């Protein structure tokens, strides 16, 4: 069992997932990010790109980490031969979990309603 560091929130479910105290279906892991399947998918492929460090929202996100997230999303698309994807972030009251994360969605129906 992994212990949460001082860069994490013991009450945050994503901190507990990134430290592997709560299981998740992991797609990929880097030094700073964990990418895992969303438990309630909104597309054929719905993964979450989550910083390992507890960051509340975009206001606390460094440009360096934002570039890492973008690069990983592009790499995921290439590695899995996705012709397109959506990368989204919910902010403030729109976020169900107050730990910065991006939804990576692929296999989205082109005829969907916007």
PDB file of N, CA and C in Angstrom:
ATOM      1  N   UNK A   1       0.845  -1.177   0.000  1.00  0.00           N
ATOM      2  CA  UNK A   1       0.000   0.000   0.000  1.00  0.00           C
ATOM      3  C   UNK A   1       0.893   1.244   0.000  1.00  0.00           C
ATOM      4  N   UNK A   2       0.548   2.192  -0.855  1.00  0.00           N
ATOM      5  CA  UNK A   2       1.322   3.430  -0.968  1.00  0.00           C
ATOM      6  C   UNK A   2       0.764   4.481  -0.020  1.00  0.00           C
ATOM      7  N   UNK A   3       1.647   5.250   0.565  1.00  0.00           N
ATOM      8  CA  UNK A   3       1.230   6.333   1.466  1.00  0.00           C
ATOM      9  C   UNK A   3       1.162   7.633   0.673  1.00  0.00           C
ATOM     10  N   UNK A   4       0.162   8.454   0.922  1.00  0.00           N
ATOM     11  CA  UNK A   4       0.026   9.725   0.233  1.00  0.00           C
ATOM     12  C   UNK A   4       1.108  10.688   0.685  1.00  0.00           C
ATOM     13  N   UNK A   5       1.679  11.412  -0.269  1.00  0.00           N
ATOM     14  CA  UNK A   5       2.705  12.404   0.078  1.00  0.00           C
ATOM     15  C   UNK A   5       2.039  13.719   0.450  1.00  0.00           C
ATOM     16  N   UNK A   6       2.860  14.701   0.859  1.00  0.00           N
ATOM     17  CA  UNK A   6       2.299  16.004   1.227  1.00  0.00           C
ATOM     18  C   UNK A   6       1.851  16.792  -0.001  1.00  0.00           C
ATOM     19  N   UNK A   7       2.089  16.268  -1.199  1.00  0.00           N
ATOM     20  CA  UNK A   7       1.636  16.911  -2.427  1.00  0.00           C
ATOM     21  C   UNK A   7       0.251  16.388  -2.836  1.00  0.00           C
ATOM     22  N   UNK A   8      -0.389  15.636  -1.927  1.00  0.00           N
ATOM     23  CA  UNK A   8      -1.673  15.044  -2.217  1.00  0.00           C
ATOM     24  C   UNK A   8      -2.661  15.301  -1.090  1.00  0.00           C
ATOM     25  N   UNK A   9      -3.913  15.065  -1.400  1.00  0.00           N
ATOM     26  CA  UNK A   9      -4.993  15.275  -0.440  1.00  0.00           C
ATOM     27  C   UNK A   9      -5.547  13.908  -0.052  1.00  0.00           C
ATOM     28  N   UNK A  10      -5.452  13.555   1.217  1.00  0.00           N
ATOM     29  CA  UNK A  10      -5.884  12.226   1.661  1.00  0.00           C
ATOM     30  C   UNK A  10      -7.376  11.979   1.437  1.00  0.00           C
ATOM     31  N   UNK A  11      -8.162  13.037   1.267  1.00  0.00           N
ATOM     32  CA  UNK A  11      -9.599  12.894   1.041  1.00  0.00           C
ATOM     33  C   UNK A  11      -9.971  12.880  -0.439  1.00  0.00           C
ATOM     34  N   UNK A  12      -8.975  12.986  -1.312  1.00  0.00           N
ATOM     35  CA  UNK A  12      -9.228  13.070  -2.752  1.00  0.00           C
ATOM     36  C   UNK A  12      -9.148  11.681  -3.383  1.00  0.00           C
ATOM     37  N   UNK A  13     -10.203  11.288  -4.077  1.00  0.00           N
ATOM     38  CA  UNK A  13     -10.223   9.971  -4.707  1.00  0.00           C
ATOM     39  C   UNK A  13      -9.146   9.842  -5.783  1.00  0.00           C
ATOM     40  N   UNK A  14      -8.869  10.914  -6.524  1.00  0.00           N
ATOM     41  CA  UNK A  14      -7.837  10.823  -7.558  1.00  0.00           C
ATOM     42  C   UNK A  14      -6.442  10.712  -6.942  1.00  0.00           C
ATOM     43  N   UNK A  15      -6.195  11.357  -5.823  1.00  0.00           N
ATOM     44  CA  UNK A  15      -4.912  11.178  -5.127  1.00  0.00           C
ATOM     45  C   UNK A  15      -4.765   9.723  -4.689  1.00  0.00           C
ATOM     46  N   UNK A  16      -5.846   9.139  -4.225  1.00  0.00           N
ATOM     47  CA  UNK A  16      -5.797   7.743  -3.790  1.00  0.00           C
ATOM     48  C   UNK A  16      -5.601   6.790  -4.968  1.00  0.00           C
ATOM     49  N   UNK A  17      -6.142   7.158  -6.135  1.00  0.00           N
ATOM     50  CA  UNK A  17      -5.934   6.335  -7.336  1.00  0.00           C
ATOM     51  C   UNK A  17      -4.498   6.486  -7.837  1.00  0.00           C
ATOM     52  N   UNK A  18      -3.976   7.723  -7.870  1.00  0.00           N
ATOM     53  CA  UNK A  18      -2.622   7.925  -8.401  1.00  0.00           C
ATOM     54  C   UNK A  18      -1.559   7.271  -7.518  1.00  0.00           C
ATOM     55  N   UNK A  19      -1.848   7.102  -6.236  1.00  0.00           N
ATOM     56  CA  UNK A  19      -0.913   6.414  -5.343  1.00  0.00           C
ATOM     57  C   UNK A  19      -1.232   4.921  -5.246  1.00  0.00           C
ATOM     58  N   UNK A  20      -2.247   4.503  -6.000  1.00  0.00           N
ATOM     59  CA  UNK A  20      -2.652   3.094  -6.095  1.00  0.00           C
ATOM     60  C   UNK A  20      -3.204   2.535  -4.795  1.00  0.00           C
ATOM     61  N   UNK A  21      -3.753   3.413  -3.962  1.00  0.00           N
ATOM     62  CA  UNK A  21      -4.481   2.971  -2.771  1.00  0.00           C
ATOM     63  C   UNK A  21      -5.892   2.542  -3.138  1.00  0.00           C
ATOM     64  N   UNK A  22      -6.384   3.030  -4.279  1.00  0.00           N
ATOM     65  CA  UNK A  22      -7.663   2.607  -4.846  1.00  0.00           C
ATOM     66  C   UNK A  22      -7.352   2.094  -6.246  1.00  0.00           C
ATOM     67  N   UNK A  23      -7.841   0.898  -6.604  1.00  0.00           N
ATOM     68  CA  UNK A  23      -7.518   0.351  -7.919  1.00  0.00           C
ATOM     69  C   UNK A  23      -8.221   1.093  -9.054  1.00  0.00           C
ATOM     70  N   UNK A  24      -7.555   1.085 -10.199  1.00  0.00           N
ATOM     71  CA  UNK A  24      -8.114   1.644 -11.424  1.00  0.00           C
ATOM     72  C   UNK A  24      -7.519   0.869 -12.586  1.00  0.00           C
ATOM     73  N   UNK A  25      -8.197   0.905 -13.711  1.00  0.00           N
ATOM     74  CA  UNK A  25      -7.679   0.244 -14.906  1.00  0.00           C
ATOM     75  C   UNK A  25      -6.731   1.218 -15.602  1.00  0.00           C
ATOM     76  N   UNK A  26      -5.449   1.070 -15.324  1.00  0.00           N
ATOM     77  CA  UNK A  26      -4.431   2.011 -15.793  1.00  0.00           C
ATOM     78  C   UNK A  26      -4.082   1.742 -17.250  1.00  0.00           C
ATOM     79  N   UNK A  27      -4.073   2.817 -18.024  1.00  0.00           N
ATOM     80  CA  UNK A  27      -3.699   2.766 -19.431  1.00  0.00           C
ATOM     81  C   UNK A  27      -2.216   3.065 -19.581  1.00  0.00           C
ATOM     82  N   UNK A  28      -1.739   4.066 -18.840  1.00  0.00           N
ATOM     83  CA  UNK A  28      -0.353   4.510 -18.955  1.00  0.00           C
ATOM     84  C   UNK A  28       0.014   5.317 -17.717  1.00  0.00           C
ATOM     85  N   UNK A  29       1.320   5.313 -17.410  1.00  0.00           N
ATOM     86  CA  UNK A  29       1.807   6.094 -16.276  1.00  0.00           C
ATOM     87  C   UNK A  29       3.131   6.744 -16.657  1.00  0.00           C
ATOM     88  N   UNK A  30       3.291   8.010 -16.264  1.00  0.00           N
ATOM     89  CA  UNK A  30       4.556   8.714 -16.412  1.00  0.00           C
ATOM     90  C   UNK A  30       4.993   9.149 -15.011  1.00  0.00           C
ATOM     91  N   UNK A  31       6.084   9.880 -14.945  1.00  0.00           N
ATOM     92  CA  UNK A  31       6.538  10.377 -13.639  1.00  0.00           C
ATOM     93  C   UNK A  31       5.528  11.326 -13.007  1.00  0.00           C
ATOM     94  N   UNK A  32       4.776  12.051 -13.828  1.00  0.00           N
ATOM     95  CA  UNK A  32       3.885  13.095 -13.313  1.00  0.00           C
ATOM     96  C   UNK A  32       2.397  12.839 -13.550  1.00  0.00           C
ATOM     97  N   UNK A  33       2.062  11.873 -14.409  1.00  0.00           N
ATOM     98  CA  UNK A  33       0.667  11.652 -14.795  1.00  0.00           C
ATOM     99  C   UNK A  33       0.268  10.187 -14.665  1.00  0.00           C
ATOM    100  N   UNK A  34      -1.019   9.976 -14.395  1.00  0.00           N
ATOM    101  CA  UNK A  34      -1.601   8.643 -14.456  1.00  0.00           C
ATOM    102  C   UNK A  34      -2.795   8.733 -15.400  1.00  0.00           C
ATOM    103  N   UNK A  35      -2.875   7.796 -16.319  1.00  0.00           N
ATOM    104  CA  UNK A  35      -3.972   7.766 -17.288  1.00  0.00           C
ATOM    105  C   UNK A  35      -4.722   6.459 -17.064  1.00  0.00           C
ATOM    106  N   UNK A  36      -6.012   6.575 -16.802  1.00  0.00           N
ATOM    107  CA  UNK A  36      -6.803   5.388 -16.507  1.00  0.00           C
ATOM    108  C   UNK A  36      -8.209   5.526 -17.072  1.00  0.00           C
ATOM    109  N   UNK A  37      -8.888   4.370 -17.186  1.00  0.00           N
ATOM    110  CA  UNK A  37     -10.240   4.340 -17.746  1.00  0.00           C
ATOM    111  C   UNK A  37     -11.235   5.018 -16.804  1.00  0.00           C
ATOM    112  N   UNK A  38     -12.140   5.793 -17.393  1.00  0.00           N
ATOM    113  CA  UNK A  38     -13.235   6.394 -16.637  1.00  0.00           C
ATOM    114  C   UNK A  38     -14.235   5.293 -16.303  1.00  0.00           C
ATOM    115  N   UNK A  39     -14.721   5.273 -15.066  1.00  0.00           N
ATOM    116  CA  UNK A  39     -15.679   4.235 -14.653  1.00  0.00           C
ATOM    117  C   UNK A  39     -17.061   4.417 -15.282  1.00  0.00           C
ATOM    118  N   UNK A  40     -17.353   5.645 -15.739  1.00  0.00           N
ATOM    119  CA  UNK A  40     -18.635   5.935 -16.379  1.00  0.00           C
ATOM    120  C   UNK A  40     -18.365   6.563 -17.743  1.00  0.00           C
ATOM    121  N   UNK A  41     -17.940   5.752 -18.726  1.00  0.00           N
ATOM    122  CA  UNK A  41     -17.507   6.301 -20.009  1.00  0.00           C
ATOM    123  C   UNK A  41     -18.615   6.996 -20.793  1.00  0.00           C
ATOM    124  N   UNK A  42     -18.214   8.075 -21.482  1.00  0.00           N
ATOM    125  CA  UNK A  42     -19.118   8.834 -22.341  1.00  0.00           C
ATOM    126  C   UNK A  42     -18.806   8.608 -23.815  1.00  0.00           C
ATOM    127  N   UNK A  43     -17.844   7.742 -24.102  1.00  0.00           N
ATOM    128  CA  UNK A  43     -17.456   7.422 -25.476  1.00  0.00           C
ATOM    129  C   UNK A  43     -16.856   6.025 -25.471  1.00  0.00           C
ATOM    130  N   UNK A  44     -16.635   5.475 -26.662  1.00  0.00           N
ATOM    131  CA  UNK A  44     -16.032   4.157 -26.780  1.00  0.00           C
ATOM    132  C   UNK A  44     -14.732   4.091 -25.990  1.00  0.00           C
ATOM    133  N   UNK A  45     -13.904   5.126 -26.114  1.00  0.00           N
ATOM    134  CA  UNK A  45     -12.689   5.259 -25.320  1.00  0.00           C
ATOM    135  C   UNK A  45     -12.845   6.509 -24.473  1.00  0.00           C
ATOM    136  N   UNK A  46     -12.811   6.343 -23.172  1.00  0.00           N
ATOM    137  CA  UNK A  46     -12.928   7.481 -22.249  1.00  0.00           C
ATOM    138  C   UNK A  46     -11.931   7.254 -21.126  1.00  0.00           C
ATOM    139  N   UNK A  47     -10.823   7.987 -21.216  1.00  0.00           N
ATOM    140  CA  UNK A  47      -9.762   7.872 -20.236  1.00  0.00           C
ATOM    141  C   UNK A  47      -9.600   9.193 -19.508  1.00  0.00           C
ATOM    142  N   UNK A  48      -9.054   9.139 -18.330  1.00  0.00           N
ATOM    143  CA  UNK A  48      -8.758  10.336 -17.554  1.00  0.00           C
ATOM    144  C   UNK A  48      -7.249  10.517 -17.473  1.00  0.00           C
ATOM    145  N   UNK A  49      -6.793  11.732 -17.770  1.00  0.00           N
ATOM    146  CA  UNK A  49      -5.389  12.088 -17.636  1.00  0.00           C
ATOM    147  C   UNK A  49      -5.290  12.926 -16.371  1.00  0.00           C
ATOM    148  N   UNK A  50      -4.625  12.380 -15.355  1.00  0.00           N
ATOM    149  CA  UNK A  50      -4.645  12.963 -14.017  1.00  0.00           C
ATOM    150  C   UNK A  50      -3.218  13.209 -13.523  1.00  0.00           C
ATOM    151  N   UNK A  51      -2.904  14.444 -13.121  1.00  0.00           N
ATOM    152  CA  UNK A  51      -1.594  14.676 -12.493  1.00  0.00           C
ATOM    153  C   UNK A  51      -1.500  13.896 -11.182  1.00  0.00           C
ATOM    154  N   UNK A  52      -0.323  13.375 -10.892  1.00  0.00           N
ATOM    155  CA  UNK A  52      -0.127  12.657  -9.628  1.00  0.00           C
ATOM    156  C   UNK A  52      -0.145  13.622  -8.447  1.00  0.00           C
ATOM    157  N   UNK A  53       0.313  14.824  -8.676  1.00  0.00           N
ATOM    158  CA  UNK A  53       0.274  15.857  -7.637  1.00  0.00           C
ATOM    159  C   UNK A  53      -1.149  16.397  -7.541  1.00  0.00           C
ATOM    160  N   UNK A  54      -1.609  16.661  -6.330  1.00  0.00           N
ATOM    161  CA  UNK A  54      -2.953  17.231  -6.180  1.00  0.00           C
ATOM    162  C   UNK A  54      -2.938  18.697  -6.625  1.00  0.00           C
ATOM    163  N   UNK A  55      -3.646  18.955  -7.698  1.00  0.00           N
ATOM    164  CA  UNK A  55      -3.809  20.306  -8.235  1.00  0.00           C
ATOM    165  C   UNK A  55      -5.318  20.518  -8.340  1.00  0.00           C
ATOM    166  N   UNK A  56      -5.823  21.558  -7.707  1.00  0.00           N
ATOM    167  CA  UNK A  56      -7.278  21.754  -7.683  1.00  0.00           C
ATOM    168  C   UNK A  56      -7.882  21.998  -9.053  1.00  0.00           C
ATOM    169  N   UNK A  57      -7.284  22.903  -9.823  1.00  0.00           N
ATOM    170  CA  UNK A  57      -7.894  23.262 -11.097  1.00  0.00           C
ATOM    171  C   UNK A  57      -6.886  23.986 -11.986  1.00  0.00           C
ATOM    172  N   UNK A  58      -7.352  24.468 -13.108  1.00  0.00           N
ATOM    173  CA  UNK A  58      -6.486  25.129 -14.092  1.00  0.00           C
ATOM    174  C   UNK A  58      -5.743  26.343 -13.538  1.00  0.00           C
ATOM    175  N   UNK A  59      -6.297  26.993 -12.528  1.00  0.00           N
ATOM    176  CA  UNK A  59      -5.638  28.184 -11.996  1.00  0.00           C
ATOM    177  C   UNK A  59      -4.305  27.850 -11.339  1.00  0.00           C
ATOM    178  N   UNK A  60      -4.108  26.578 -10.968  1.00  0.00           N
ATOM    179  CA  UNK A  60      -2.881  26.148 -10.302  1.00  0.00           C
ATOM    180  C   UNK A  60      -2.002  25.263 -11.190  1.00  0.00           C
ATOM    181  N   UNK A  61      -2.336  25.176 -12.471  1.00  0.00           N
ATOM    182  CA  UNK A  61      -1.616  24.300 -13.398  1.00  0.00           C
ATOM    183  C   UNK A  61      -0.452  25.042 -14.040  1.00  0.00           C
ATOM    184  N   UNK A  62       0.741  24.465 -13.966  1.00  0.00           N
ATOM    185  CA  UNK A  62       1.908  25.073 -14.610  1.00  0.00           C
ATOM    186  C   UNK A  62       1.842  24.843 -16.120  1.00  0.00           C
ATOM    187  N   UNK A  63       2.453  25.740 -16.858  1.00  0.00           N
ATOM    188  CA  UNK A  63       2.510  25.592 -18.313  1.00  0.00           C
ATOM    189  C   UNK A  63       3.231  24.306 -18.690  1.00  0.00           C
ATOM    190  N   UNK A  64       4.266  23.949 -17.935  1.00  0.00           N
ATOM    191  CA  UNK A  64       5.030  22.734 -18.208  1.00  0.00           C
ATOM    192  C   UNK A  64       4.144  21.498 -18.107  1.00  0.00           C
ATOM    193  N   UNK A  65       3.338  21.425 -17.058  1.00  0.00           N
ATOM    194  CA  UNK A  65       2.461  20.271 -16.895  1.00  0.00           C
ATOM    195  C   UNK A  65       1.362  20.259 -17.955  1.00  0.00           C
ATOM    196  N   UNK A  66       0.876  21.418 -18.330  1.00  0.00           N
ATOM    197  CA  UNK A  66      -0.126  21.490 -19.402  1.00  0.00           C
ATOM    198  C   UNK A  66       0.450  20.938 -20.704  1.00  0.00           C
ATOM    199  N   UNK A  67       1.690  21.271 -21.008  1.00  0.00           N
ATOM    200  CA  UNK A  67       2.343  20.747 -22.213  1.00  0.00           C
ATOM    201  C   UNK A  67       2.497  19.229 -22.102  1.00  0.00           C
ATOM    202  N   UNK A  68       2.847  18.726 -20.921  1.00  0.00           N
ATOM    203  CA  UNK A  68       2.971  17.276 -20.726  1.00  0.00           C
ATOM    204  C   UNK A  68       1.637  16.573 -20.983  1.00  0.00           C
ATOM    205  N   UNK A  69       0.552  17.162 -20.509  1.00  0.00           N
ATOM    206  CA  UNK A  69      -0.779  16.586 -20.720  1.00  0.00           C
ATOM    207  C   UNK A  69      -1.107  16.564 -22.205  1.00  0.00           C
ATOM    208  N   UNK A  70      -0.852  17.671 -22.888  1.00  0.00           N
ATOM    209  CA  UNK A  70      -1.103  17.734 -24.328  1.00  0.00           C
ATOM    210  C   UNK A  70      -0.267  16.694 -25.070  1.00  0.00           C
ATOM    211  N   UNK A  71       1.018  16.615 -24.736  1.00  0.00           N
ATOM    212  CA  UNK A  71       1.905  15.657 -25.400  1.00  0.00           C
ATOM    213  C   UNK A  71       1.450  14.219 -25.173  1.00  0.00           C
ATOM    214  N   UNK A  72       1.019  13.903 -23.966  1.00  0.00           N
ATOM    215  CA  UNK A  72       0.537  12.543 -23.681  1.00  0.00           C
ATOM    216  C   UNK A  72      -0.744  12.250 -24.453  1.00  0.00           C
ATOM    217  N   UNK A  73      -1.631  13.220 -24.568  1.00  0.00           N
ATOM    218  CA  UNK A  73      -2.865  13.016 -25.335  1.00  0.00           C
ATOM    219  C   UNK A  73      -2.537  12.727 -26.803  1.00  0.00           C
ATOM    220  N   UNK A  74      -1.618  13.487 -27.370  1.00  0.00           N
ATOM    221  CA  UNK A  74      -1.217  13.251 -28.760  1.00  0.00           C
ATOM    222  C   UNK A  74      -0.545  11.894 -28.920  1.00  0.00           C
ATOM    223  N   UNK A  75       0.268  11.519 -27.957  1.00  0.00           N
ATOM    224  CA  UNK A  75       0.947  10.223 -28.002  1.00  0.00           C
ATOM    225  C   UNK A  75      -0.053   9.069 -27.862  1.00  0.00           C
ATOM    226  N   UNK A  76      -1.036   9.221 -26.981  1.00  0.00           N
ATOM    227  CA  UNK A  76      -2.078   8.199 -26.845  1.00  0.00           C
ATOM    228  C   UNK A  76      -2.810   7.995 -28.164  1.00  0.00           C
ATOM    229  N   UNK A  77      -3.156   9.103 -28.823  1.00  0.00           N
ATOM    230  CA  UNK A  77      -3.866   9.014 -30.108  1.00  0.00           C
ATOM    231  C   UNK A  77      -3.013   8.276 -31.134  1.00  0.00           C
ATOM    232  N   UNK A  78      -1.736   8.585 -31.174  1.00  0.00           N
ATOM    233  CA  UNK A  78      -0.835   7.940 -32.129  1.00  0.00           C
ATOM    234  C   UNK A  78      -0.658   6.456 -31.794  1.00  0.00           C
ATOM    235  N   UNK A  79      -0.395   6.145 -30.526  1.00  0.00           N
ATOM    236  CA  UNK A  79      -0.166   4.764 -30.096  1.00  0.00           C
ATOM    237  C   UNK A  79      -1.381   3.866 -30.330  1.00  0.00           C
ATOM    238  N   UNK A  80      -2.575   4.444 -30.245  1.00  0.00           N
ATOM    239  CA  UNK A  80      -3.803   3.662 -30.378  1.00  0.00           C
ATOM    240  C   UNK A  80      -4.495   3.880 -31.720  1.00  0.00           C
ATOM    241  N   UNK A  81      -3.827   4.576 -32.630  1.00  0.00           N
ATOM    242  CA  UNK A  81      -4.328   4.818 -33.995  1.00  0.00           C
ATOM    243  C   UNK A  81      -5.698   5.484 -34.030  1.00  0.00           C
ATOM    244  N   UNK A  82      -5.900   6.445 -33.128  1.00  0.00           N
ATOM    245  CA  UNK A  82      -7.141   7.218 -33.152  1.00  0.00           C
ATOM    246  C   UNK A  82      -6.998   8.327 -34.189  1.00  0.00           C
ATOM    247  N   UNK A  83      -7.993   8.473 -35.050  1.00  0.00           N
ATOM    248  CA  UNK A  83      -7.977   9.525 -36.065  1.00  0.00           C
ATOM    249  C   UNK A  83      -8.411  10.873 -35.508  1.00  0.00           C
ATOM    250  N   UNK A  84      -8.960  10.855 -34.334  1.00  0.00           N
ATOM    251  CA  UNK A  84      -9.400  12.080 -33.681  1.00  0.00           C
ATOM    252  C   UNK A  84      -9.758  11.786 -32.241  1.00  0.00           C
ATOM    253  N   UNK A  85      -9.803  12.827 -31.453  1.00  0.00           N
ATOM    254  CA  UNK A  85     -10.168  12.675 -30.049  1.00  0.00           C
ATOM    255  C   UNK A  85     -10.627  14.015 -29.510  1.00  0.00           C
ATOM    256  N   UNK A  86     -11.240  13.973 -28.344  1.00  0.00           N
ATOM    257  CA  UNK A  86     -11.644  15.182 -27.632  1.00  0.00           C
ATOM    258  C   UNK A  86     -10.904  15.186 -26.302  1.00  0.00           C
ATOM    259  N   UNK A  87     -10.393  16.352 -25.931  1.00  0.00           N
ATOM    260  CA  UNK A  87      -9.730  16.522 -24.647  1.00  0.00           C
ATOM    261  C   UNK A  87     -10.485  17.624 -23.921  1.00  0.00           C
ATOM    262  N   UNK A  88     -11.081  17.302 -22.779  1.00  0.00           N
ATOM    263  CA  UNK A  88     -11.884  18.305 -22.083  1.00  0.00           C
ATOM    264  C   UNK A  88     -11.553  18.352 -20.599  1.00  0.00           C
ATOM    265  N   UNK A  89     -11.832  19.516 -20.028  1.00  0.00           N
ATOM    266  CA  UNK A  89     -11.579  19.752 -18.615  1.00  0.00           C
ATOM    267  C   UNK A  89     -12.774  20.495 -18.038  1.00  0.00           C
ATOM    268  N   UNK A  90     -13.221  20.056 -16.885  1.00  0.00           N
ATOM    269  CA  UNK A  90     -14.304  20.744 -16.182  1.00  0.00           C
ATOM    270  C   UNK A  90     -13.693  21.594 -15.079  1.00  0.00           C
ATOM    271  N   UNK A  91     -14.191  22.815 -14.948  1.00  0.00           N
ATOM    272  CA  UNK A  91     -13.604  23.794 -14.029  1.00  0.00           C
ATOM    273  C   UNK A  91     -14.645  24.285 -13.040  1.00  0.00           C
ATOM    274  N   UNK A  92     -14.203  24.549 -11.825  1.00  0.00           N
ATOM    275  CA  UNK A  92     -15.108  25.119 -10.816  1.00  0.00           C
ATOM    276  C   UNK A  92     -16.220  24.164 -10.459  1.00  0.00           C
ATOM    277  N   UNK A  93     -17.423  24.676 -10.395  1.00  0.00           N
ATOM    278  CA  UNK A  93     -18.575  23.855 -10.010  1.00  0.00           C
ATOM    279  C   UNK A  93     -18.905  22.785 -11.035  1.00  0.00           C
ATOM    280  N   UNK A  94     -18.386  22.910 -12.258  1.00  0.00           N
ATOM    281  CA  UNK A  94     -18.627  21.899 -13.289  1.00  0.00           C
ATOM    282  C   UNK A  94     -17.826  20.624 -13.032  1.00  0.00           C
ATOM    283  N   UNK A  95     -16.778  20.717 -12.212  1.00  0.00           N
ATOM    284  CA  UNK A  95     -15.935  19.553 -11.917  1.00  0.00           C
ATOM    285  C   UNK A  95     -16.542  18.735 -10.787  1.00  0.00           C
ATOM    286  N   UNK A  96     -16.756  17.458 -11.032  1.00  0.00           N
ATOM    287  CA  UNK A  96     -17.304  16.588  -9.988  1.00  0.00           C
ATOM    288  C   UNK A  96     -16.257  16.262  -8.933  1.00  0.00           C
ATOM    289  N   UNK A  97     -14.992  16.191  -9.349  1.00  0.00           N
ATOM    290  CA  UNK A  97     -13.891  15.892  -8.429  1.00  0.00           C
ATOM    291  C   UNK A  97     -12.914  17.058  -8.479  1.00  0.00           C
ATOM    292  N   UNK A  98     -12.637  17.696  -7.356  1.00  0.00           N
ATOM    293  CA  UNK A  98     -11.767  18.878  -7.348  1.00  0.00           C
ATOM    294  C   UNK A  98     -10.274  18.530  -7.371  1.00  0.00           C
ATOM    295  N   UNK A  99      -9.903  17.726  -8.346  1.00  0.00           N
ATOM    296  CA  UNK A  99      -8.503  17.386  -8.628  1.00  0.00           C
ATOM    297  C   UNK A  99      -8.406  17.507 -10.148  1.00  0.00           C
ATOM    298  N   UNK A 100      -7.544  18.381 -10.608  1.00  0.00           N
ATOM    299  CA  UNK A 100      -7.424  18.629 -12.044  1.00  0.00           C
ATOM    300  C   UNK A 100      -7.333  17.321 -12.813  1.00  0.00           C
ATOM    301  N   UNK A 101      -8.125  17.200 -13.861  1.00  0.00           N
ATOM    302  CA  UNK A 101      -8.057  16.043 -14.746  1.00  0.00           C
ATOM    303  C   UNK A 101      -8.652  16.411 -16.093  1.00  0.00           C
ATOM    304  N   UNK A 102      -8.172  15.726 -17.100  1.00  0.00           N
ATOM    305  CA  UNK A 102      -8.669  15.924 -18.452  1.00  0.00           C
ATOM    306  C   UNK A 102      -9.296  14.632 -18.931  1.00  0.00           C
ATOM    307  N   UNK A 103     -10.435  14.758 -19.599  1.00  0.00           N
ATOM    308  CA  UNK A 103     -11.107  13.622 -20.201  1.00  0.00           C
ATOM    309  C   UNK A 103     -10.571  13.461 -21.614  1.00  0.00           C
ATOM    310  N   UNK A 104     -10.055  12.284 -21.919  1.00  0.00           N
ATOM    311  CA  UNK A 104      -9.595  11.937 -23.260  1.00  0.00           C
ATOM    312  C   UNK A 104     -10.648  11.009 -23.836  1.00  0.00           C
ATOM    313  N   UNK A 105     -11.349  11.471 -24.876  1.00  0.00           N
ATOM    314  CA  UNK A 105     -12.423  10.681 -25.465  1.00  0.00           C
ATOM    315  C   UNK A 105     -12.124  10.430 -26.937  1.00  0.00           C
ATOM    316  N   UNK A 106     -12.240   9.173 -27.342  1.00  0.00           N
ATOM    317  CA  UNK A 106     -12.050   8.792 -28.743  1.00  0.00           C
ATOM    318  C   UNK A 106     -13.153   7.805 -29.115  1.00  0.00           C
ATOM    319  N   UNK A 107     -13.321   7.589 -30.399  1.00  0.00           N
ATOM    320  CA  UNK A 107     -14.415   6.734 -30.839  1.00  0.00           C
ATOM    321  C   UNK A 107     -15.745   7.434 -30.662  1.00  0.00           C
ATOM    322  N   UNK A 108     -15.727   8.748 -30.895  1.00  0.00           N
ATOM    323  CA  UNK A 108     -16.920   9.572 -30.720  1.00  0.00           C
ATOM    324  C   UNK A 108     -17.724   9.565 -32.022  1.00  0.00           C
ATOM    325  N   UNK A 109     -19.009   9.347 -31.918  1.00  0.00           N
ATOM    326  CA  UNK A 109     -19.888   9.320 -33.082  1.00  0.00           C
ATOM    327  C   UNK A 109     -19.959  10.715 -33.718  1.00  0.00           C
ATOM    328  N   UNK A 110     -19.663  10.782 -35.020  1.00  0.00           N
ATOM    329  CA  UNK A 110     -19.690  12.072 -35.728  1.00  0.00           C
ATOM    330  C   UNK A 110     -21.089  12.678 -35.790  1.00  0.00           C
ATOM    331  N   UNK A 111     -22.111  11.853 -35.656  1.00  0.00           N
ATOM    332  CA  UNK A 111     -23.483  12.358 -35.740  1.00  0.00           C
ATOM    333  C   UNK A 111     -24.044  12.769 -34.389  1.00  0.00           C
ATOM    334  N   UNK A 112     -23.187  12.817 -33.379  1.00  0.00           N
ATOM    335  CA  UNK A 112     -23.634  13.162 -32.037  1.00  0.00           C
ATOM    336  C   UNK A 112     -24.191  14.585 -31.985  1.00  0.00           C
ATOM    337  N   UNK A 113     -24.991  14.846 -30.992  1.00  0.00           N
ATOM    338  CA  UNK A 113     -25.467  16.192 -30.753  1.00  0.00           C
ATOM    339  C   UNK A 113     -24.418  16.930 -29.940  1.00  0.00           C
ATOM    340  N   UNK A 114     -24.267  18.190 -30.219  1.00  0.00           N
ATOM    341  CA  UNK A 114     -23.282  18.986 -29.489  1.00  0.00           C
ATOM    342  C   UNK A 114     -23.939  19.680 -28.319  1.00  0.00           C
TER     343      UNK A 114
END
